C-alpha cells in the first residue's frame, strides 16, 4: 500500500471467513487489533427496507467479524443520492469536517476525489483471483483516472426496464389489435412511438409513456446506435455529439413530447402510473417496490395488473441497457483504518451477505458466484408476490437477469464535470421539449378554428428546432468539459 510514497513491505493473508475477498486478500501488517478496536464511519443513501437490511448486516458484522478483528462500523444514511453527494463534497472541501472512512458514491463523485488522491486504490487489497469473482462490467465501472486503479467496489446493481399497466393497455389493444403483441410493441423505440401516437388518438389526447431518466435514454440510446456519447480519449473526458445519432434520439423524444404522446407529471413515473396518467414508463429496476397495485382515476381506486418488459432498442441497433448503482469507496487514511474498511467491504460482497442485502431491495448482487447461486434463485423465488412491493421487485429483477444475458450493459465514463454534463444533456432536452409543448398548446388553443393542426405542429417540429438545440448543447458541453 502506498503511504507517503512508500510501499509497506510486509503482507499477510486473512482467511475467507473473515475478509470475504478470498484467500489472497492482502491486508497490511498494521491490521486492526481486537484489543484496540478501529471505528469506521460509513455514509450511504439507503432508505426503507434497503436501509433496514444494511443496518442488520452492519450489526451482524460488528457482532461477529468486527468483534474478532477489532472493527466497529457506524452506518449513517444521508437521505437520498443527491443529499449524500452533497454531504461528501462538502466534507471533502471542509477544513474541519472529515470524510467518512467508507461511503457510497457514483463514479462522477468518486472520480473527483480519486483525482485529488483522496481515495484508496482497492487493488492494493485485492489480487487477480479476488477481482475475477466480480461481474467484469460491474467492476470496471469503478476504474478511472488511469484506467487501472479501482476506486469503487460494486455492492448492488440495477438497470432500467419498461413497466406497463396491463389493465389499461388491454383496453387499448382490444380496440387496436395491431399492438396486441405487447413484447413486440415495447421491444423497439420505433414501435413504442407508433403505439404512443395511436394511444393518444384513441384516448383523445392522453399520453402513453414517460421516462424516469432522460439522461440515461440519451446515453444508452446513443450507445445502441454505435455512438459513445460520454467517453475517455487520451486519458481525458471526450464527448461524441454525433448529429445523426442525436437527431434520432431527438425525433423519438421531442416529437412525442410536443404532440403529447409522451409525458411526465410527478417526480417519478411510478407516481404517474399510480395516478393513471401514464400507461407505461422506463423506470429503474430498483423501483419495483414503488409500483402501484391500483390507480386512482376520476376519484375512484381501480385495481391494476402490471408487467415489466425489456428496455427498448432502436430498430436494427445493438441491444444495450444502462448499468447503475453506487459503489463503495474507501477514504485514504491511516493503514489500520484502510485495512479494516477493506475487511468490511469484502465481507459485504460475499454471496451470503450480498444476496440478503440486494434482492429484497430490488438490486442484483455483484459477484458471478452470487449471480449464479441457488441462494440467489431461492431469494428471488421467496419474495412474497402477494405483496405489491415484492411482486414489483420480482418482476424487475427477473427482467434485469434477462438483460444481463442478452444485452450489453453500459455506463458513462467518469471524468471531470461528467456528472454536470450528464445532467445538463438530459435537462436541456427536457426543458426544450416541454417549452415547445406549452407553446404548441397555446397556439392550438388560440387558433383552433383557423389553423390546420398538422401545419401548426410543423412550427415546432422541424429542422430549425433541432439545430437550435444541437448548437446549444455543443457550446455548453464544451464549456463544461474545458472549465
Protein backbone atom coordinates (compact mmCIF):
# COMPACT_ATOMS: atom_id res chain seq x y z
CA UNK A 1 0.00 0.00 0.00
CA UNK A 2 1.28 3.44 -0.89
CA UNK A 3 1.70 5.60 2.21
CA UNK A 4 3.87 8.74 1.88
CA UNK A 5 5.21 7.31 -1.34
CA UNK A 6 6.48 4.05 0.18
CA UNK A 7 5.13 0.53 -0.06
CA UNK A 8 4.60 -1.35 3.15
CA UNK A 9 6.54 -4.50 2.51
CA UNK A 10 5.00 -6.98 4.88
CA UNK A 11 1.75 -8.52 3.61
CA UNK A 12 -0.30 -11.09 5.48
CA UNK A 13 -3.29 -13.11 4.44
CA UNK A 14 -6.59 -13.40 6.27
CA UNK A 15 -8.98 -16.30 5.92
CA UNK A 16 -12.01 -16.14 3.61
CA UNK A 17 -14.34 -16.36 6.56
CA UNK A 18 -13.03 -13.07 7.88
CA UNK A 19 -12.33 -10.89 4.85
CA UNK A 20 -14.69 -12.30 2.25
CA UNK A 21 -12.28 -11.32 -0.53
CA UNK A 22 -10.64 -14.73 -0.81
CA UNK A 23 -7.52 -16.46 0.43
CA UNK A 24 -5.25 -13.95 -1.27
CA UNK A 25 -6.83 -10.77 0.06
CA UNK A 26 -3.94 -8.54 1.01
CA UNK A 27 -4.12 -6.80 4.35
CA UNK A 28 -1.11 -4.93 5.63
CA UNK A 29 0.78 -5.76 8.77
CA UNK A 30 -0.94 -2.85 10.50
CA UNK A 31 -4.21 -4.78 10.63
CA UNK A 32 -6.87 -3.93 13.23
CA UNK A 33 -6.36 -5.17 16.77
CA UNK A 34 -9.39 -6.53 18.63
CA UNK A 35 -7.92 -5.19 21.86
CA UNK A 36 -7.68 -1.73 20.31
CA UNK A 37 -10.78 -1.51 18.03
CA UNK A 38 -10.95 0.66 14.92
CA UNK A 39 -14.18 2.62 14.47
CA UNK A 40 -15.30 3.22 10.90
CA UNK A 41 -17.93 5.73 9.74
CA UNK A 42 -19.92 4.62 6.69
CA UNK A 43 -22.21 7.03 4.82
CA UNK A 44 -24.88 5.80 2.42
CA UNK A 45 -28.18 6.83 0.82
CA UNK A 46 -30.27 3.77 1.65
CA UNK A 47 -33.81 4.17 2.93
CA UNK A 48 -36.71 1.95 3.87
CA UNK A 49 -36.17 -1.77 3.55
CA UNK A 50 -32.77 -1.30 1.95
CA UNK A 51 -31.56 0.69 4.95
CA UNK A 52 -33.06 -1.87 7.36
CA UNK A 53 -31.22 -4.67 5.52
CA UNK A 54 -27.95 -2.74 5.59
CA UNK A 55 -28.31 -1.92 9.29
CA UNK A 56 -28.88 -5.60 10.08
CA UNK A 57 -25.76 -6.54 8.14
CA UNK A 58 -23.68 -3.93 9.95
CA UNK A 59 -24.95 -5.21 13.27
CA UNK A 60 -24.07 -8.80 12.31
CA UNK A 61 -20.60 -7.77 11.14
CA UNK A 62 -19.89 -5.85 14.34
CA UNK A 63 -21.04 -8.76 16.47
CA UNK A 64 -19.09 -11.44 14.60
CA UNK A 65 -16.18 -10.43 12.35
CA UNK A 66 -15.82 -6.98 13.88
CA UNK A 67 -15.61 -8.33 17.41
CA UNK A 68 -12.97 -10.85 16.37
CA UNK A 69 -10.88 -8.36 14.38
CA UNK A 70 -11.32 -5.18 16.38
CA UNK A 71 -13.59 -3.28 13.97
CA UNK A 72 -16.72 -1.29 14.73
CA UNK A 73 -18.76 0.10 11.80
CA UNK A 74 -21.14 3.01 12.30
CA UNK A 75 -23.55 3.39 9.37
CA UNK A 76 -25.44 6.60 8.65
CA UNK A 77 -27.98 7.37 5.93
CA UNK A 78 -27.60 10.82 4.42
CA UNK A 79 -31.03 10.75 2.79
CA UNK A 80 -31.04 10.29 -0.98
CA UNK A 81 -28.24 10.14 -3.54
CA UNK A 82 -28.20 13.90 -4.06
CA UNK A 83 -28.04 14.55 -0.32
CA UNK A 84 -25.23 12.04 0.12
CA UNK A 85 -23.26 13.52 -2.80
CA UNK A 86 -23.61 16.99 -1.32
CA UNK A 87 -22.50 15.79 2.12
CA UNK A 88 -19.43 14.08 0.66
CA UNK A 89 -18.43 17.09 -1.44
CA UNK A 90 -18.90 19.48 1.50
CA UNK A 91 -16.80 17.24 3.75
CA UNK A 92 -14.10 16.97 1.08
CA UNK A 93 -13.80 20.77 0.88
CA UNK A 94 -14.15 21.40 4.60
CA UNK A 95 -11.17 22.21 6.74
CA UNK A 96 -12.85 20.81 9.84
CA UNK A 97 -15.26 18.05 8.81
CA UNK A 98 -13.66 14.74 7.83
CA UNK A 99 -14.69 12.47 5.01
CA UNK A 100 -16.15 9.20 6.32
CA UNK A 101 -13.94 6.09 6.18
CA UNK A 102 -16.37 4.45 3.74
CA UNK A 103 -19.07 6.00 1.60
CA UNK A 104 -21.38 5.10 -1.27
CA UNK A 105 -20.73 7.07 -4.45
CA UNK A 106 -21.37 7.15 -8.16
CA UNK A 107 -18.33 7.35 -10.45
CA UNK A 108 -18.61 11.09 -11.12
CA UNK A 109 -18.21 11.95 -7.43
CA UNK A 110 -15.55 9.31 -6.84
CA UNK A 111 -13.54 10.48 -9.86
CA UNK A 112 -13.05 13.97 -8.43
CA UNK A 113 -11.85 12.64 -5.07
CA UNK A 114 -9.65 9.97 -6.63
CA UNK A 115 -8.02 12.60 -8.87
CA UNK A 116 -7.16 14.53 -5.71
CA UNK A 117 -5.59 11.45 -4.15
CA UNK A 118 -8.30 11.17 -1.50
CA UNK A 119 -9.46 7.61 -2.26
CA UNK A 120 -7.80 4.25 -1.73
CA UNK A 121 -6.90 2.12 -4.74
CA UNK A 122 -8.68 -1.11 -3.81
CA UNK A 123 -6.39 -3.26 -5.95
CA UNK A 124 -3.87 -2.85 -3.15
CA UNK A 125 -6.12 -5.17 -1.14
CA UNK A 126 -7.39 -7.35 -3.99
CA UNK A 127 -5.38 -9.67 -6.18
CA UNK A 128 -6.46 -11.05 -9.56
CA UNK A 129 -8.31 -14.02 -8.05
CA UNK A 130 -10.35 -11.64 -5.91
CA UNK A 131 -11.18 -9.36 -8.84
CA UNK A 132 -12.31 -12.27 -11.00
CA UNK A 133 -15.10 -13.01 -8.52
CA UNK A 134 -16.96 -9.89 -9.67
CA UNK A 135 -19.05 -9.40 -12.77
CA UNK A 136 -16.47 -7.65 -15.02
CA UNK A 137 -18.84 -4.91 -16.17
CA UNK A 138 -19.82 -4.09 -12.60
CA UNK A 139 -16.19 -3.93 -11.52
CA UNK A 140 -14.91 -1.85 -14.44
CA UNK A 141 -17.29 1.00 -13.61
CA UNK A 142 -15.10 1.77 -10.59
CA UNK A 143 -11.90 2.13 -12.63
CA UNK A 144 -10.97 5.63 -13.74
CA UNK A 145 -8.18 8.23 -13.55
CA UNK A 146 -5.61 5.83 -15.05
CA UNK A 147 -7.99 3.03 -16.05
CA UNK A 148 -6.19 0.52 -13.83
CA UNK A 149 -6.75 1.58 -10.23
CA UNK A 150 -10.06 0.55 -8.66
CA UNK A 151 -11.74 3.22 -6.54
CA UNK A 152 -15.29 1.89 -6.24
CA UNK A 153 -16.23 -1.61 -5.14
CA UNK A 154 -19.63 -2.62 -6.54
CA UNK A 155 -22.19 -3.63 -3.93
CA UNK A 156 -25.57 -3.63 -5.67
CA UNK A 157 -26.55 -3.02 -9.30
CA UNK A 158 -29.69 -2.04 -11.16
CA UNK A 159 -30.70 -1.26 -14.72
CA UNK A 160 -33.80 0.14 -16.41
CA UNK A 161 -36.81 -1.64 -17.88
CA UNK A 162 -40.33 -0.80 -19.05
CA UNK A 163 -43.28 -1.23 -16.71
CA UNK A 164 -46.75 -1.45 -18.29
CA UNK A 165 -50.22 -1.10 -16.76
CA UNK A 166 -51.68 -4.16 -18.46
CA UNK A 167 -55.23 -3.31 -17.36
CA UNK A 168 -55.27 -0.04 -19.30
CA UNK A 169 -53.11 -1.47 -22.07
CA UNK A 170 -55.57 -4.33 -22.69
CA UNK A 171 -58.41 -1.86 -23.21
CA UNK A 172 -56.31 -0.07 -25.81
CA UNK A 173 -55.16 -3.19 -27.67
CA UNK A 174 -58.71 -4.56 -27.79
CA UNK A 175 -59.53 -1.57 -29.97
CA UNK A 176 -56.09 -1.53 -31.67
CA UNK A 177 -55.17 -5.20 -32.26
CA UNK A 178 -52.04 -4.39 -34.29
CA UNK A 179 -50.36 -3.60 -30.94
CA UNK A 180 -51.66 -6.72 -29.18
CA UNK A 181 -48.22 -8.34 -29.12
CA UNK A 182 -47.00 -6.37 -26.12
CA UNK A 183 -43.46 -7.74 -26.15
CA UNK A 184 -43.01 -6.80 -29.80
CA UNK A 185 -44.57 -3.36 -29.33
CA UNK A 186 -42.24 -2.43 -26.49
CA UNK A 187 -39.17 -4.08 -27.96
CA UNK A 188 -38.16 -1.13 -30.16
CA UNK A 189 -38.38 2.62 -29.74
CA UNK A 190 -39.97 2.92 -33.17
CA UNK A 191 -42.87 0.55 -32.43
CA UNK A 192 -43.35 2.09 -28.99
CA UNK A 193 -43.57 5.54 -30.60
CA UNK A 194 -46.18 4.30 -33.07
CA UNK A 195 -48.21 2.83 -30.22
CA UNK A 196 -47.95 6.08 -28.26
CA UNK A 197 -49.30 8.08 -31.18
CA UNK A 198 -52.15 5.61 -31.71
CA UNK A 199 -52.94 5.67 -27.99
CA UNK A 200 -53.11 9.47 -27.96
CA UNK A 201 -55.67 9.44 -30.78
CA UNK A 202 -57.66 6.59 -29.25
CA UNK A 203 -57.71 8.15 -25.75
CA UNK A 204 -58.48 11.62 -27.11
CA UNK A 205 -55.21 13.22 -26.06
CA UNK A 206 -53.73 11.19 -23.21
CA UNK A 207 -50.04 10.23 -23.06
CA UNK A 208 -48.89 6.62 -23.09
CA UNK A 209 -45.29 6.71 -21.95
CA UNK A 210 -42.66 8.56 -19.91
CA UNK A 211 -39.01 8.39 -18.85
CA UNK A 212 -37.64 8.36 -15.32
CA UNK A 213 -34.17 9.32 -16.58
CA UNK A 214 -33.84 11.23 -19.82
CA UNK A 215 -30.05 11.33 -19.32
CA UNK A 216 -29.97 7.53 -19.41
CA UNK A 217 -32.05 7.49 -22.58
CA UNK A 218 -29.58 9.83 -24.32
CA UNK A 219 -26.52 7.89 -23.15
CA UNK A 220 -27.85 4.38 -23.72
CA UNK A 221 -29.73 5.29 -26.89
CA UNK A 222 -26.51 6.71 -28.34
CA UNK A 223 -24.67 3.52 -27.44
CA UNK A 224 -27.37 1.42 -29.11
CA UNK A 225 -26.76 3.44 -32.28
CA UNK A 226 -22.99 2.98 -32.10
CA UNK A 227 -22.03 6.33 -30.53
CA UNK A 228 -20.25 6.71 -27.19
CA UNK A 229 -21.78 9.96 -26.04
CA UNK A 230 -19.53 10.29 -22.98
CA UNK A 231 -16.17 8.51 -23.09
CA UNK A 232 -12.45 8.79 -22.44
CA UNK A 233 -9.92 9.71 -25.12
CA UNK A 234 -6.21 10.21 -24.42
CA UNK A 235 -6.95 9.91 -20.69
CA UNK A 236 -9.39 12.83 -20.81
CA UNK A 237 -13.14 13.20 -20.97
CA UNK A 238 -14.48 13.13 -24.52
CA UNK A 239 -17.94 13.81 -25.95
CA UNK A 240 -19.18 12.44 -29.26
CA UNK A 241 -22.19 14.60 -30.10
CA UNK A 242 -22.90 12.79 -33.33
CA UNK A 243 -25.53 14.78 -35.21
CA UNK A 244 -27.24 11.79 -36.86
CA UNK A 245 -27.43 9.86 -33.60
CA UNK A 246 -28.77 12.79 -31.60
CA UNK A 247 -31.33 13.55 -34.30
CA UNK A 248 -32.79 10.06 -33.94
CA UNK A 249 -32.97 10.48 -30.18
CA UNK A 250 -34.50 13.94 -30.63
CA UNK A 251 -37.11 12.71 -33.08
CA UNK A 252 -38.14 9.94 -30.70
CA UNK A 253 -38.46 12.07 -27.57
CA UNK A 254 -39.06 15.67 -28.66
CA UNK A 255 -41.76 14.93 -31.25
CA UNK A 256 -43.72 12.72 -28.85
CA UNK A 257 -43.50 15.28 -26.05
CA UNK A 258 -44.72 18.13 -28.27
CA UNK A 259 -47.66 16.07 -29.58
CA UNK A 260 -48.49 14.77 -26.09
CA UNK A 261 -47.83 11.08 -26.78
CA UNK A 262 -45.08 11.08 -24.10
CA UNK A 263 -45.26 12.99 -20.83
CA UNK A 264 -44.11 13.27 -17.25
CA UNK A 265 -46.04 14.84 -14.41
CA UNK A 266 -44.78 13.86 -10.95
CA UNK A 267 -41.25 13.50 -9.63
CA UNK A 268 -41.15 9.83 -10.67
CA UNK A 269 -43.04 7.88 -13.28
CA UNK A 270 -44.33 5.40 -10.66
CA UNK A 271 -46.36 8.35 -9.33
CA UNK A 272 -47.76 8.98 -12.81
CA UNK A 273 -48.67 5.30 -13.12
CA UNK A 274 -50.40 5.34 -9.72
CA UNK A 275 -52.46 8.35 -10.80
CA UNK A 276 -53.42 6.71 -14.09
CA UNK A 277 -51.76 9.49 -16.07
CA UNK A 278 -49.42 7.12 -17.93
CA UNK A 279 -49.82 3.54 -19.09
CA UNK A 280 -46.12 2.68 -19.35
CA UNK A 281 -42.73 4.07 -18.36
CA UNK A 282 -38.99 3.43 -18.46
CA UNK A 283 -38.01 3.07 -14.80
CA UNK A 284 -35.16 1.76 -12.68
CA UNK A 285 -35.28 -1.95 -11.94
CA UNK A 286 -34.74 -0.89 -8.31
CA UNK A 287 -38.11 0.89 -8.25
CA UNK A 288 -40.27 -2.25 -8.15
CA UNK A 289 -41.21 -1.75 -4.52
CA UNK A 290 -42.88 1.54 -5.52
CA UNK A 291 -45.12 0.00 -8.18
CA UNK A 292 -48.83 0.66 -7.55
CA UNK A 293 -51.37 -2.15 -7.40
CA UNK A 294 -54.21 0.27 -8.08
CA UNK A 295 -54.74 3.63 -9.73
CA UNK A 296 -56.92 6.50 -8.67
CA UNK A 297 -58.66 7.91 -11.68
CA UNK A 298 -61.76 10.03 -11.56
CA UNK A 299 -61.59 9.92 -7.77
CA UNK A 300 -62.09 6.15 -7.62
CA UNK A 301 -59.42 3.50 -6.94
CA UNK A 302 -59.15 0.77 -9.56
CA UNK A 303 -57.04 -2.39 -9.23
CA UNK A 304 -54.49 -2.93 -12.00
CA UNK A 305 -52.07 -5.60 -13.18
CA UNK A 306 -48.50 -4.60 -14.05
CA UNK A 307 -45.91 -6.31 -16.21
CA UNK A 308 -42.23 -5.48 -16.79
CA UNK A 309 -40.55 -5.74 -20.19
CA UNK A 310 -37.08 -5.47 -21.65
CA UNK A 311 -35.65 -1.98 -22.14
CA UNK A 312 -36.38 -0.97 -25.78
CA UNK A 313 -33.76 -0.79 -28.53
CA UNK A 314 -33.71 1.18 -31.76
CA UNK A 315 -34.62 -0.97 -34.73
CA UNK A 316 -31.60 -2.75 -36.24
CA UNK A 317 -29.40 -1.46 -33.39
CA UNK A 318 -27.40 -3.25 -30.69
CA UNK A 319 -29.20 -4.25 -27.51
CA UNK A 320 -27.75 -2.01 -24.81
CA UNK A 321 -29.12 -1.34 -21.31
CA UNK A 322 -27.91 1.03 -18.64
CA UNK A 323 -25.90 -0.20 -15.68
CA UNK A 324 -26.29 1.78 -12.48
CA UNK A 325 -25.99 1.57 -8.71
CA UNK A 326 -23.46 3.30 -6.48
CA UNK A 327 -20.30 1.54 -5.35
CA UNK A 328 -18.41 1.84 -2.08
CA UNK A 329 -15.24 3.95 -1.77
CA UNK A 330 -12.63 3.94 1.00
CA UNK A 331 -11.04 7.22 2.06
CA UNK A 332 -7.24 7.20 2.30
CA UNK A 333 -6.26 7.45 5.96
CA UNK A 334 -4.22 5.50 8.49
CA UNK A 335 -3.30 1.99 7.42
CA UNK A 336 -5.33 0.19 10.15
CA UNK A 337 -8.47 2.10 9.12
CA UNK A 338 -7.94 1.28 5.45
CA UNK A 339 -7.40 -2.40 6.23
CA UNK A 340 -10.47 -2.51 8.47
CA UNK A 341 -12.60 -0.85 5.78
CA UNK A 342 -11.37 -3.37 3.20
CA UNK A 343 -12.29 -6.25 5.50
CA UNK A 344 -15.81 -4.85 5.96
CA UNK A 345 -16.42 -4.32 2.23
CA UNK A 346 -15.05 -7.76 1.45
CA UNK A 347 -17.45 -9.29 3.94
CA UNK A 348 -20.38 -7.33 2.43
CA UNK A 349 -19.68 -8.69 -1.06
CA UNK A 350 -19.69 -12.34 -0.01
CA UNK A 351 -22.75 -14.05 -1.56
CA UNK A 352 -24.49 -14.70 1.77
CA UNK A 353 -24.44 -11.04 2.74
CA UNK A 354 -24.68 -9.54 -0.73
CA UNK A 355 -27.78 -11.51 -1.71
CA UNK A 356 -29.50 -10.74 1.59
CA UNK A 357 -28.88 -7.03 1.05
CA UNK A 358 -29.71 -6.77 -2.64
CA UNK A 359 -32.64 -8.98 -3.66
CA UNK A 360 -35.32 -7.72 -1.28
CA UNK A 361 -34.24 -4.16 -2.08
CA UNK A 362 -34.64 -4.57 -5.83
CA UNK A 363 -30.95 -4.88 -6.79
CA UNK A 364 -28.79 -7.70 -8.07
CA UNK A 365 -25.66 -8.97 -6.29
CA UNK A 366 -22.30 -8.18 -7.85
CA UNK A 367 -20.20 -11.36 -7.90
CA UNK A 368 -20.51 -14.06 -10.53
CA UNK A 369 -20.79 -16.68 -7.81
CA UNK A 370 -23.75 -14.90 -6.22
CA UNK A 371 -25.49 -14.27 -9.56
CA UNK A 372 -25.24 -17.96 -10.44
CA UNK A 373 -26.07 -19.31 -6.99
CA UNK A 374 -29.04 -21.31 -5.83
CA UNK A 375 -29.14 -18.92 -2.90
CA UNK A 376 -29.99 -16.03 -5.20
CA UNK A 377 -32.62 -18.06 -7.05
CA UNK A 378 -34.17 -19.04 -3.73
CA UNK A 379 -34.16 -15.44 -2.52
CA UNK A 380 -35.90 -14.32 -5.72
CA UNK A 381 -38.41 -17.16 -5.52
CA UNK A 382 -39.13 -16.44 -1.85
CA UNK A 383 -40.24 -12.87 -2.47
CA UNK A 384 -43.86 -12.61 -1.35
CA UNK A 385 -45.63 -11.88 -4.64
CA UNK A 386 -48.93 -11.35 -2.90
CA UNK A 387 -47.42 -8.08 -1.66
CA UNK A 388 -47.41 -5.32 -4.27
CA UNK A 389 -43.92 -4.09 -3.36
CA UNK A 390 -42.28 -7.52 -3.53
CA UNK A 391 -44.23 -8.54 -6.65
CA UNK A 392 -42.87 -5.46 -8.42
CA UNK A 393 -39.35 -6.21 -7.18
CA UNK A 394 -39.56 -9.77 -8.51
CA UNK A 395 -40.78 -8.61 -11.94
CA UNK A 396 -37.96 -6.07 -12.22
CA UNK A 397 -35.19 -8.44 -11.13
CA UNK A 398 -36.36 -11.21 -13.44
CA UNK A 399 -36.24 -8.75 -16.35
CA UNK A 400 -32.81 -7.47 -15.30
CA UNK A 401 -31.47 -11.05 -15.25
CA UNK A 402 -32.67 -11.50 -18.84
CA UNK A 403 -30.99 -8.24 -19.84
CA UNK A 404 -27.75 -9.43 -18.25
CA UNK A 405 -27.80 -12.38 -20.63
CA UNK A 406 -28.89 -10.80 -23.91
CA UNK A 407 -27.75 -7.17 -23.72
CA UNK A 408 -24.57 -5.20 -23.26
CA UNK A 409 -24.59 -3.22 -20.06
CA UNK A 410 -23.33 0.32 -20.49
CA UNK A 411 -22.25 3.03 -18.07
CA UNK A 412 -20.97 6.51 -19.00
CA UNK A 413 -17.31 7.25 -18.37
CA UNK A 414 -16.37 9.29 -15.30
CA UNK A 415 -14.23 12.38 -15.81
CA UNK A 416 -14.08 15.98 -14.62
CA UNK A 417 -17.58 17.51 -14.72
CA UNK A 418 -19.05 14.30 -16.16
CA UNK A 419 -21.99 14.46 -13.73
CA UNK A 420 -22.70 18.07 -14.69
CA UNK A 421 -22.58 17.23 -18.40
CA UNK A 422 -24.81 14.19 -17.96
CA UNK A 423 -27.41 16.19 -16.02
CA UNK A 424 -27.23 19.10 -18.44
CA UNK A 425 -27.87 16.95 -21.51
CA UNK A 426 -30.99 15.40 -20.02
CA UNK A 427 -32.32 18.65 -18.61
CA UNK A 428 -31.69 20.59 -21.82
CA UNK A 429 -33.70 18.14 -23.92
CA UNK A 430 -36.47 18.01 -21.31
CA UNK A 431 -36.83 21.79 -20.97
CA UNK A 432 -36.61 22.40 -24.73
CA UNK A 433 -39.35 19.86 -25.45
CA UNK A 434 -41.53 20.97 -22.52
CA UNK A 435 -41.32 24.61 -23.61
CA UNK A 436 -42.25 23.70 -27.19
CA UNK A 437 -45.18 21.64 -25.89
CA UNK A 438 -46.56 24.58 -23.92
CA UNK A 439 -46.21 27.00 -26.83
CA UNK A 440 -47.82 24.46 -29.18
CA UNK A 441 -50.81 24.04 -26.84
CA UNK A 442 -51.20 27.81 -26.51
CA UNK A 443 -51.10 28.29 -30.28
CA UNK A 444 -53.55 25.46 -30.81
CA UNK A 445 -56.00 26.97 -28.33
CA UNK A 446 -55.69 30.41 -29.91
CA UNK A 447 -56.02 29.14 -33.48
CA UNK A 448 -58.25 26.13 -33.02
CA UNK A 449 -60.70 27.13 -35.75
CA UNK A 450 -58.37 28.71 -38.30
CA UNK A 451 -55.21 26.60 -38.36
CA UNK A 452 -54.54 23.08 -39.61
CA UNK A 453 -53.20 21.19 -36.51
CA UNK A 454 -50.53 19.47 -38.60
CA UNK A 455 -49.25 22.73 -40.03
CA UNK A 456 -49.29 24.23 -36.56
CA UNK A 457 -47.22 21.30 -35.29
CA UNK A 458 -44.65 21.90 -38.02
CA UNK A 459 -43.83 25.26 -36.44
CA UNK A 460 -42.28 23.34 -33.54
CA UNK A 461 -41.22 20.01 -35.01
CA UNK A 462 -38.70 20.93 -37.70
CA UNK A 463 -35.01 21.07 -38.58
CA UNK A 464 -34.60 24.57 -37.16
CA UNK A 465 -35.75 23.43 -33.70
CA UNK A 466 -33.29 20.55 -33.69
CA UNK A 467 -30.35 22.64 -34.94
CA UNK A 468 -31.02 25.27 -32.29
CA UNK A 469 -30.89 22.64 -29.52
CA UNK A 470 -27.91 20.89 -31.09
CA UNK A 471 -25.88 24.11 -31.31
CA UNK A 472 -26.73 24.99 -27.71
CA UNK A 473 -25.56 21.65 -26.29
CA UNK A 474 -22.30 21.77 -28.25
CA UNK A 475 -21.44 25.17 -26.79
CA UNK A 476 -22.45 24.34 -23.22
CA UNK A 477 -20.85 20.87 -23.05
CA UNK A 478 -17.61 22.25 -24.48
CA UNK A 479 -17.64 24.89 -21.75
CA UNK A 480 -18.26 22.28 -19.04
CA UNK A 481 -15.63 19.96 -20.48
CA UNK A 482 -12.98 22.68 -20.57
CA UNK A 483 -13.82 24.51 -17.35
